[in-house]
Amino acid sequence: MTNQDMMGSAQGGPTSATEPVFSPDAHRLDLGRLGAITLVVGILLTGPLGWACGYAVVTDPDPVAKAIAGFFGLLFGGLCVLFIANFWRVTRPRGVVVDAAGIWFWHGTSWDLVRWTQAARVGLSYEMPPELPTIGGPVAHLKAKLSGWLKDRLYGALRITDKRGIALEMVPMREEELLELPRLKRYRVKEPAPLPGLPPVRLRLGLPGGYHSFADLIAAGERFGGHTWEGWFRRQWTGGAGRGPRETV
């Protein structure tokens, strides 16, 4: 069965209870798997650090060292507990598939399709904090440049990006078409329309900060999305939250 046949059948319309048939070169982004990897790394890092700090609190006779170790022990221990508490929520099966038909959103065994013809703009949106002015003359300016260079090299080595609130963002042609996909309401964001004539709503699916999966996602968007795909574009800075006001479910 082809993708077009699947979409034309009763089972393969905008929503489906079984996995659809995708284009041969479709790109799948498994957010549950990426979330699991992120949390496992976080637990493996913060758990031992929290234990080491707790051990220092018990064994170090220096009160100052105890206080410092206690502070970082609470910090790392709290982060580890937070990672563990959110493990099942973050790793639940979900993600997107980008193919010739459009962008498929899946949650468990449920699939929802937003076709390319239904979207006015699709891409990867992000926020960046405003750059603070450099004060202190040439020496301070040189130090700022060196700091930026080191940060770029560090982020490249760790395969992460300093872009904040990265998300797969889609502006629909007509808002009423999104109302037919109630499972996607969790991604709906009310914001001013980017262009006159477009609705003041969009879908914004948050993505992890590691950029190793973005290259394939962008390539798939360029391959299938045509002029609808915009690649990277910057949102207005909101202080790091990056989500904007959301509708209540």
Protein backbone atom coordinates (compact mmCIF):
# COMPACT_ATOMS: atom_id res chain seq x y z
CA MET A 1 0.00 0.00 0.00
CA THR A 2 1.40 3.40 -0.92
CA ASN A 3 1.37 6.46 1.27
CA GLN A 4 -1.33 8.02 -0.88
CA ASP A 5 -3.48 4.89 -0.64
CA MET A 6 -3.03 4.89 3.09
CA MET A 7 -4.15 8.49 3.36
CA GLY A 8 -7.14 7.83 1.15
CA SER A 9 -8.43 4.93 3.21
CA ALA A 10 -10.61 5.28 6.28
CA GLN A 11 -7.77 4.07 8.48
CA GLY A 12 -5.06 6.26 7.01
CA GLY A 13 -6.63 9.73 7.15
CA PRO A 14 -5.47 12.53 9.47
CA THR A 15 -5.52 10.11 12.42
CA SER A 16 -4.68 6.42 12.64
CA ALA A 17 -4.51 3.73 15.31
CA THR A 18 -1.82 1.73 13.49
CA GLU A 19 1.53 2.79 12.10
CA PRO A 20 1.08 4.22 8.59
CA VAL A 21 3.22 3.38 5.58
CA PHE A 22 5.84 6.09 5.06
CA SER A 23 8.00 7.18 2.17
CA PRO A 24 11.15 5.05 1.80
CA ASP A 25 13.41 7.95 2.81
CA ALA A 26 11.21 9.32 5.61
CA HIS A 27 12.93 10.58 8.75
CA ARG A 28 11.79 9.36 12.18
CA LEU A 29 12.63 11.30 15.33
CA ASP A 30 11.97 9.12 18.41
CA LEU A 31 11.65 11.58 21.28
CA GLY A 32 11.02 8.86 23.85
CA ARG A 33 14.34 7.22 23.03
CA LEU A 34 16.20 10.54 23.06
CA GLY A 35 14.60 11.37 26.40
CA ALA A 36 15.71 8.03 27.82
CA ILE A 37 19.30 8.62 26.71
CA THR A 38 19.30 12.11 28.22
CA LEU A 39 17.91 10.96 31.55
CA VAL A 40 20.24 7.97 31.83
CA VAL A 41 23.25 10.22 31.23
CA GLY A 42 21.90 12.72 33.76
CA ILE A 43 21.36 10.03 36.40
CA LEU A 44 24.82 8.53 35.83
CA LEU A 45 26.38 11.99 36.23
CA THR A 46 24.42 13.42 39.14
CA GLY A 47 23.99 10.22 41.18
CA PRO A 48 27.70 9.56 41.86
CA LEU A 49 28.37 13.29 42.33
CA GLY A 50 25.60 13.54 44.89
CA TRP A 51 26.90 10.46 46.71
CA ALA A 52 30.47 11.83 46.72
CA CYS A 53 29.31 15.13 48.17
CA GLY A 54 27.31 13.32 50.86
CA TYR A 55 30.34 11.23 51.73
CA ALA A 56 32.40 14.43 52.07
CA VAL A 57 29.80 15.88 54.45
CA VAL A 58 30.11 12.84 56.70
CA THR A 59 33.90 12.41 56.62
CA ASP A 60 35.44 15.89 56.15
CA PRO A 61 36.22 17.62 59.48
CA ASP A 62 36.34 21.12 57.94
CA PRO A 63 33.00 22.93 58.53
CA VAL A 64 33.45 25.07 55.42
CA ALA A 65 34.10 21.99 53.28
CA LYS A 66 31.05 20.31 54.85
CA ALA A 67 28.88 23.30 53.95
CA ILE A 68 30.12 23.42 50.37
CA ALA A 69 29.79 19.66 49.93
CA GLY A 70 26.32 19.77 51.48
CA PHE A 71 25.18 22.47 49.07
CA PHE A 72 26.39 20.58 46.00
CA GLY A 73 25.14 17.29 47.44
CA LEU A 74 21.63 18.71 47.68
CA LEU A 75 21.96 20.15 44.18
CA PHE A 76 23.16 16.96 42.50
CA GLY A 77 20.93 14.74 44.63
CA GLY A 78 17.89 16.85 43.82
CA LEU A 79 18.66 16.72 40.11
CA CYS A 80 19.09 12.95 40.26
CA VAL A 81 15.74 12.54 42.03
CA LEU A 82 14.13 14.85 39.48
CA PHE A 83 15.52 12.76 36.61
CA ILE A 84 14.26 9.54 38.18
CA ALA A 85 10.82 10.98 39.00
CA ASN A 86 10.31 12.14 35.41
CA PHE A 87 11.73 9.05 33.73
CA TRP A 88 8.47 7.43 32.62
CA ARG A 89 6.90 10.73 31.56
CA VAL A 90 9.90 11.76 29.44
CA THR A 91 10.50 8.33 27.92
CA ARG A 92 6.91 7.55 26.93
CA PRO A 93 6.64 6.49 23.25
CA ARG A 94 6.22 9.58 21.11
CA GLY A 95 7.87 11.41 18.25
CA VAL A 96 7.49 12.60 14.68
CA VAL A 97 8.02 11.24 11.20
CA VAL A 98 8.69 13.61 8.29
CA ASP A 99 7.81 12.24 4.85
CA ALA A 100 6.20 13.17 1.55
CA ALA A 101 2.70 13.36 3.03
CA GLY A 102 3.60 15.78 5.80
CA ILE A 103 4.55 15.50 9.46
CA TRP A 104 3.20 12.57 11.44
CA PHE A 105 2.94 12.92 15.23
CA TRP A 106 2.75 9.72 17.23
CA HIS A 107 1.82 9.09 20.86
CA GLY A 108 1.94 5.42 21.80
CA THR A 109 0.03 3.66 19.03
CA SER A 110 -1.88 6.75 17.84
CA TRP A 111 -0.84 8.74 14.76
CA ASP A 112 -1.89 12.21 13.58
CA LEU A 113 -0.91 13.76 10.26
CA VAL A 114 -0.52 17.43 9.39
CA ARG A 115 -0.08 17.59 5.61
CA TRP A 116 2.33 19.97 3.95
CA THR A 117 -0.62 21.59 2.18
CA GLN A 118 -2.14 22.40 5.59
CA ALA A 119 0.94 24.29 6.80
CA ALA A 120 2.01 27.83 5.96
CA ARG A 121 5.40 27.55 7.65
CA VAL A 122 7.36 24.68 9.20
CA GLY A 123 10.83 24.73 10.70
CA LEU A 124 12.99 24.58 13.81
CA SER A 125 12.40 27.59 16.02
CA TYR A 126 14.61 28.62 18.91
CA GLU A 127 15.38 31.42 21.32
CA MET A 128 18.64 33.14 22.14
CA PRO A 129 19.22 35.40 25.14
CA PRO A 130 19.98 39.00 24.22
CA GLU A 131 23.68 39.81 24.00
CA LEU A 132 24.87 42.09 26.78
CA PRO A 133 27.11 45.01 25.81
CA THR A 134 30.81 44.55 26.47
CA ILE A 135 32.15 47.07 28.98
CA GLY A 136 35.81 47.61 29.80
CA GLY A 137 37.62 48.43 26.59
CA PRO A 138 39.77 46.31 24.26
CA VAL A 139 40.92 43.83 26.93
CA ALA A 140 37.37 43.00 28.00
CA HIS A 141 36.33 42.73 24.35
CA LEU A 142 39.18 40.27 23.68
CA LYS A 143 38.22 38.21 26.74
CA ALA A 144 34.60 38.07 25.52
CA LYS A 145 35.73 36.90 22.07
CA LEU A 146 37.98 34.23 23.60
CA SER A 147 35.16 33.07 25.87
CA GLY A 148 32.83 32.77 22.89
CA TRP A 149 35.44 30.81 20.93
CA LEU A 150 36.00 28.37 23.82
CA LYS A 151 32.23 27.96 24.27
CA ASP A 152 31.78 27.12 20.59
CA ARG A 153 34.55 24.49 20.76
CA LEU A 154 33.12 22.99 23.96
CA TYR A 155 29.60 22.80 22.57
CA GLY A 156 30.95 21.22 19.39
CA ALA A 157 32.83 18.56 21.36
CA LEU A 158 29.76 17.76 23.48
CA ARG A 159 27.45 17.82 20.42
CA ILE A 160 25.10 20.36 21.96
CA THR A 161 23.93 23.83 20.99
CA ASP A 162 23.39 27.02 22.96
CA LYS A 163 20.07 27.65 21.24
CA ARG A 164 17.29 27.74 23.83
CA GLY A 165 13.85 26.20 23.61
CA ILE A 166 14.44 24.38 20.32
CA ALA A 167 11.16 23.17 18.85
CA LEU A 168 9.62 21.80 15.69
CA GLU A 169 7.18 24.60 14.87
CA MET A 170 4.32 24.64 12.41
CA VAL A 171 2.03 27.53 11.50
CA PRO A 172 -1.21 26.22 9.96
CA MET A 173 -3.01 27.70 7.00
CA ARG A 174 -6.33 27.43 8.85
CA GLU A 175 -6.80 27.02 12.60
CA GLU A 176 -9.95 24.95 12.25
CA GLU A 177 -7.98 22.10 10.70
CA LEU A 178 -6.01 21.73 13.92
CA LEU A 179 -9.25 21.33 15.87
CA GLU A 180 -9.75 18.04 14.04
CA LEU A 181 -6.61 16.69 15.75
CA PRO A 182 -7.38 16.91 19.50
CA ARG A 183 -4.30 14.91 20.52
CA LEU A 184 -2.11 17.74 19.21
CA LYS A 185 -3.74 20.30 21.50
CA ARG A 186 -0.86 19.81 23.95
CA TYR A 187 1.43 21.50 21.38
CA ARG A 188 -0.86 24.43 20.55
CA VAL A 189 0.55 27.87 21.31
CA LYS A 190 -1.35 31.14 20.93
CA GLU A 191 0.93 33.83 19.51
CA PRO A 192 0.53 36.70 17.03
CA ALA A 193 0.32 35.55 13.41
CA PRO A 194 3.71 35.77 11.63
CA LEU A 195 2.01 37.12 8.48
CA PRO A 196 -1.35 38.79 7.76
CA GLY A 197 -4.04 36.26 6.93
CA LEU A 198 -2.58 33.46 9.03
CA PRO A 199 -4.16 32.32 12.32
CA PRO A 200 -2.58 33.39 15.64
CA VAL A 201 -1.84 29.79 16.62
CA ARG A 202 0.88 27.25 15.95
CA LEU A 203 2.06 23.80 16.91
CA ARG A 204 5.31 23.80 18.88
CA LEU A 205 6.89 20.47 19.79
CA GLY A 206 9.90 20.85 22.10
CA LEU A 207 13.08 19.03 21.06
CA PRO A 208 16.23 18.11 23.00
CA GLY A 209 19.23 20.44 22.78
CA GLY A 210 21.64 17.90 21.26
CA TYR A 211 22.00 18.73 17.58
CA HIS A 212 23.10 15.27 16.38
CA SER A 213 19.58 14.50 15.17
CA PHE A 214 18.84 17.92 13.66
CA ALA A 215 20.86 17.48 10.46
CA ASP A 216 18.72 14.56 9.26
CA LEU A 217 15.53 16.30 10.37
CA ILE A 218 16.44 19.45 8.44
CA ALA A 219 17.42 17.41 5.38
CA ALA A 220 14.04 15.65 5.45
CA GLY A 221 12.21 18.96 5.79
CA GLU A 222 14.08 20.40 2.82
CA ARG A 223 13.49 17.24 0.77
CA PHE A 224 9.75 17.00 1.38
CA GLY A 225 8.57 20.42 2.55
CA GLY A 226 9.60 22.57 -0.39
CA HIS A 227 8.92 26.28 0.14
CA THR A 228 6.93 25.48 3.33
CA TRP A 229 10.09 24.39 5.16
CA GLU A 230 12.07 27.34 6.57
CA GLY A 231 14.85 25.56 8.46
CA TRP A 232 16.07 27.44 11.53
CA PHE A 233 14.33 30.64 12.58
CA ARG A 234 14.55 32.64 15.78
CA ARG A 235 11.64 33.35 18.12
CA GLN A 236 11.29 36.31 20.43
CA TRP A 237 13.19 35.85 23.71
CA THR A 238 10.85 34.99 26.60
CA GLY A 239 13.42 34.46 29.32
CA GLY A 240 14.18 30.83 28.48
CA ALA A 241 10.71 29.31 28.83
CA GLY A 242 10.28 29.37 25.06
CA ARG A 243 6.75 28.04 25.08
CA GLY A 244 4.48 31.03 25.27
CA PRO A 245 0.94 30.93 26.65
CA ARG A 246 -0.70 27.57 26.07
CA GLU A 247 -4.34 26.62 25.84
CA THR A 248 -5.64 24.53 28.66
CA VAL A 249 -6.53 20.95 27.74
